[in-house]
Protein backbone atom coordinates (compact mmCIF):
# COMPACT_ATOMS: atom_id res chain seq x y z
CA MET A 1 11.54 -21.66 -5.03
CA GLN A 2 10.08 -18.27 -5.97
CA ALA A 3 11.73 -15.23 -4.43
CA GLY A 4 8.42 -14.12 -2.94
CA GLN A 5 8.17 -17.46 -1.13
CA LEU A 6 11.89 -17.41 -0.28
CA LEU A 7 11.60 -14.03 1.41
CA ASP A 8 8.38 -14.92 3.23
CA SER A 9 10.12 -17.88 4.92
CA HIS A 10 12.61 -15.66 6.83
CA SER A 11 12.29 -13.84 10.14
CA ALA A 12 12.01 -10.05 10.20
CA ALA A 13 15.71 -9.65 11.12
CA GLU A 14 16.86 -12.03 8.37
CA LEU A 15 14.60 -10.31 5.84
CA ALA A 16 16.01 -6.91 6.82
CA ALA A 17 19.58 -8.18 6.34
CA ILE A 18 18.79 -9.71 2.93
CA VAL A 19 17.03 -6.55 1.75
CA SER A 20 19.88 -4.34 2.98
CA LEU A 21 22.41 -6.39 1.02
CA TRP A 22 20.29 -6.38 -2.14
CA GLN A 23 19.78 -2.61 -1.91
CA ARG A 24 23.50 -1.90 -1.45
CA GLU A 25 24.32 -4.06 -4.44
CA GLY A 26 21.45 -2.62 -6.53
CA ARG A 27 20.39 -6.18 -7.24
CA GLU A 28 17.89 -7.03 -9.93
CA LEU A 29 15.52 -9.82 -8.95
CA ALA A 30 13.23 -11.89 -11.19
CA THR A 31 10.35 -13.21 -9.11
CA CYS A 32 6.59 -13.60 -8.93
CA PHE A 33 4.06 -12.82 -6.24
CA SER A 34 0.65 -14.21 -5.41
CA GLY A 35 -2.53 -12.22 -4.96
CA THR A 36 -4.99 -10.26 -7.08
CA SER A 37 -4.59 -6.76 -5.66
CA MET A 38 -2.57 -5.54 -8.66
CA LEU A 39 -4.90 -6.82 -11.40
CA PRO A 40 -4.97 -6.10 -14.31
CA ALA A 41 -1.40 -4.66 -14.28
CA ILE A 42 0.20 -7.71 -12.59
CA ALA A 43 -1.49 -11.10 -12.50
CA SER A 44 -0.98 -13.57 -9.68
CA GLY A 45 2.10 -15.67 -10.45
CA GLN A 46 3.26 -13.41 -13.29
CA GLN A 47 7.04 -13.06 -13.41
CA VAL A 48 8.28 -9.52 -12.74
CA ILE A 49 11.67 -7.85 -12.43
CA VAL A 50 12.33 -5.96 -9.18
CA ASP A 51 15.09 -3.34 -9.16
CA CYS A 52 16.31 -3.25 -5.55
CA GLY A 53 17.51 -0.06 -3.91
CA ILE A 54 15.49 2.30 -6.12
CA GLU A 55 13.20 4.76 -4.35
CA PRO A 56 9.75 4.65 -5.92
CA VAL A 57 8.04 7.68 -7.40
CA ILE A 58 4.30 8.26 -7.52
CA GLY A 59 2.81 5.85 -10.05
CA ALA A 60 5.57 3.23 -9.66
CA VAL A 61 4.84 -0.22 -8.22
CA ALA A 62 6.84 -0.71 -5.04
CA VAL A 63 7.85 -3.90 -3.26
CA PHE A 64 7.94 -3.31 0.48
CA ARG A 65 8.02 -5.02 3.87
CA PHE A 66 5.16 -4.75 6.34
CA ASP A 67 4.24 -6.91 9.32
CA ASN A 68 6.98 -9.44 8.39
CA GLN A 69 5.38 -9.87 4.93
CA LEU A 70 5.92 -8.49 1.45
CA GLY A 71 3.60 -6.07 -0.32
CA VAL A 72 3.49 -5.14 -4.00
CA HIS A 73 1.33 -2.05 -4.60
CA ARG A 74 1.36 1.18 -6.56
CA VAL A 75 2.66 4.36 -4.89
CA VAL A 76 -0.09 7.01 -4.84
CA ALA A 77 1.37 9.60 -2.44
CA ARG A 78 4.81 10.32 -1.09
CA THR A 79 6.69 12.64 1.23
CA ALA A 80 10.34 12.74 2.30
CA SER A 81 9.72 10.16 5.05
CA TRP A 82 6.74 7.99 4.06
CA LEU A 83 4.71 6.78 1.12
CA LEU A 84 1.17 5.60 0.59
CA THR A 85 0.46 2.55 -1.57
CA TRP A 86 -2.73 1.24 -3.12
CA GLY A 87 -3.34 -2.00 -4.97
CA ASP A 88 -4.89 -1.34 -8.40
CA ALA A 89 -7.75 -3.77 -7.68
CA ASN A 90 -8.25 -2.73 -4.03
CA PRO A 91 -11.10 -0.41 -3.04
CA LEU A 92 -9.03 1.47 -0.41
CA PRO A 93 -5.38 2.42 0.12
CA ASP A 94 -2.95 0.74 2.50
CA GLU A 95 -1.64 2.36 5.65
CA PRO A 96 1.41 4.54 4.96
CA ILE A 97 4.85 2.96 5.18
CA GLU A 98 8.25 4.42 5.95
CA LEU A 99 10.73 4.68 3.10
CA GLY A 100 13.04 2.26 4.92
CA GLN A 101 10.50 -0.52 4.33
CA VAL A 102 10.83 -0.28 0.54
CA ILE A 103 12.81 -3.07 -1.12
CA GLY A 104 12.62 -1.85 -4.69
CA VAL A 105 10.48 -1.08 -7.71
CA VAL A 106 8.83 -3.46 -10.18
CA ARG A 107 10.04 -2.73 -13.69
CA ASN A 108 7.77 -2.13 -16.73
CA VAL A 109 4.33 -2.11 -15.12
CA PRO A 110 1.54 -0.46 -17.13
CA ALA A 111 0.11 2.76 -15.72
CA ALA A 112 -3.02 2.53 -13.59
CA SER A 113 -6.33 3.73 -14.98
CA ARG A 114 -7.57 7.04 -13.63
CA SER A 115 -10.54 7.16 -11.26
CA LEU A 116 -12.33 10.21 -9.89
CA ARG A 117 -13.40 8.25 -6.78
CA ARG A 118 -9.80 7.29 -6.07
CA ALA A 119 -8.55 10.83 -6.66
CA LEU A 120 -11.12 12.33 -4.26
CA LEU A 121 -10.48 9.69 -1.58
CA LEU A 122 -6.74 10.18 -1.92
CA ARG A 123 -7.17 13.94 -1.53
CA TYR A 124 -8.95 13.36 1.80
CA VAL A 125 -6.69 10.58 3.09
CA ALA A 126 -3.26 11.94 2.15
CA PRO A 127 -3.03 15.67 1.59
CA PRO A 128 0.55 16.59 0.57
CA THR A 129 1.57 18.14 3.90
CA ALA A 130 -0.12 15.65 6.24
CA PRO A 131 2.06 13.86 8.80
CA MET A 132 2.22 10.07 8.62
CA GLU A 133 0.15 9.58 11.79
CA ARG A 134 -2.76 11.65 10.40
CA VAL A 135 -2.69 9.68 7.14
CA ARG A 136 -2.60 6.40 9.09
CA TYR A 137 -5.61 7.54 11.17
CA ARG A 138 -7.58 8.55 8.06
CA VAL A 139 -6.81 5.30 6.23
CA ARG A 140 -8.00 3.30 9.25
CA PHE A 141 -11.10 5.53 9.42
CA VAL A 142 -12.13 4.87 5.80
CA HIS A 143 -11.51 1.14 6.30
CA ARG A 144 -13.83 1.20 9.35
CA ILE A 145 -16.49 3.07 7.38
CA ARG A 146 -16.35 0.54 4.56
CA SER A 147 -16.45 -2.39 6.99
CA THR A 148 -19.47 -0.96 8.82
CA TRP A 149 -21.29 -0.25 5.56
CA ARG A 150 -20.67 -3.77 4.26
CA GLN A 151 -21.94 -5.38 7.48
CA ASP A 152 -25.21 -3.45 7.63
CA PRO A 153 -26.06 -0.21 5.79
CA LEU A 154 -28.75 0.66 8.38
CA ALA A 155 -26.23 0.28 11.21
CA PHE A 156 -23.90 2.55 9.26
CA ILE A 157 -26.59 5.23 8.91
CA GLY A 158 -27.43 4.92 12.61
CA ALA A 159 -23.78 5.25 13.60
CA THR A 160 -23.40 8.28 11.33
CA VAL A 161 -26.46 9.99 12.83
CA ARG A 162 -25.19 9.30 16.37
CA ALA A 163 -21.74 10.68 15.50
CA VAL A 164 -23.24 13.86 14.02
CA ALA A 165 -25.49 14.28 17.05
CA ARG A 166 -22.51 13.93 19.40
CA ARG A 167 -20.59 16.59 17.44
CA LEU A 168 -23.54 18.98 17.45
CA SER A 169 -24.20 18.54 21.16
CA LYS A 170 -20.71 19.74 22.14
């Protein structure tokens, strides 16, 4: 059984206990994960080595727990208490996570390509001194904008005009 599948089959409490043990021991784990969010750096099913207990730096690919699942995304912003991750193939970043949710770092992953769009969006979403709640709000906001735009561009324009009108009428 793959470690990704092994970990997904446990409850949140069991997963927390396993991760805590692996981090204390500094365990190295060979595993593979499914999904396409890290293409082209990591393909679905590709075997990777995870170094448990290492705190990720910006640019590293972190393995973390969220909503009783595992995530494998690149760290794009970080403070002393939280970090922001973003899958290389995803159009938008994830919600910020607390450092305690990090399991480890994937070893030997190629660097991500640079993108002006990503850099500008990241500057808006996660300025260096922003508290986690503000970053979480902004990430949810850009996800709502994208969702509205994809459903109906005219509805998006109408909603934008209404929002501007509400702000100006105050």
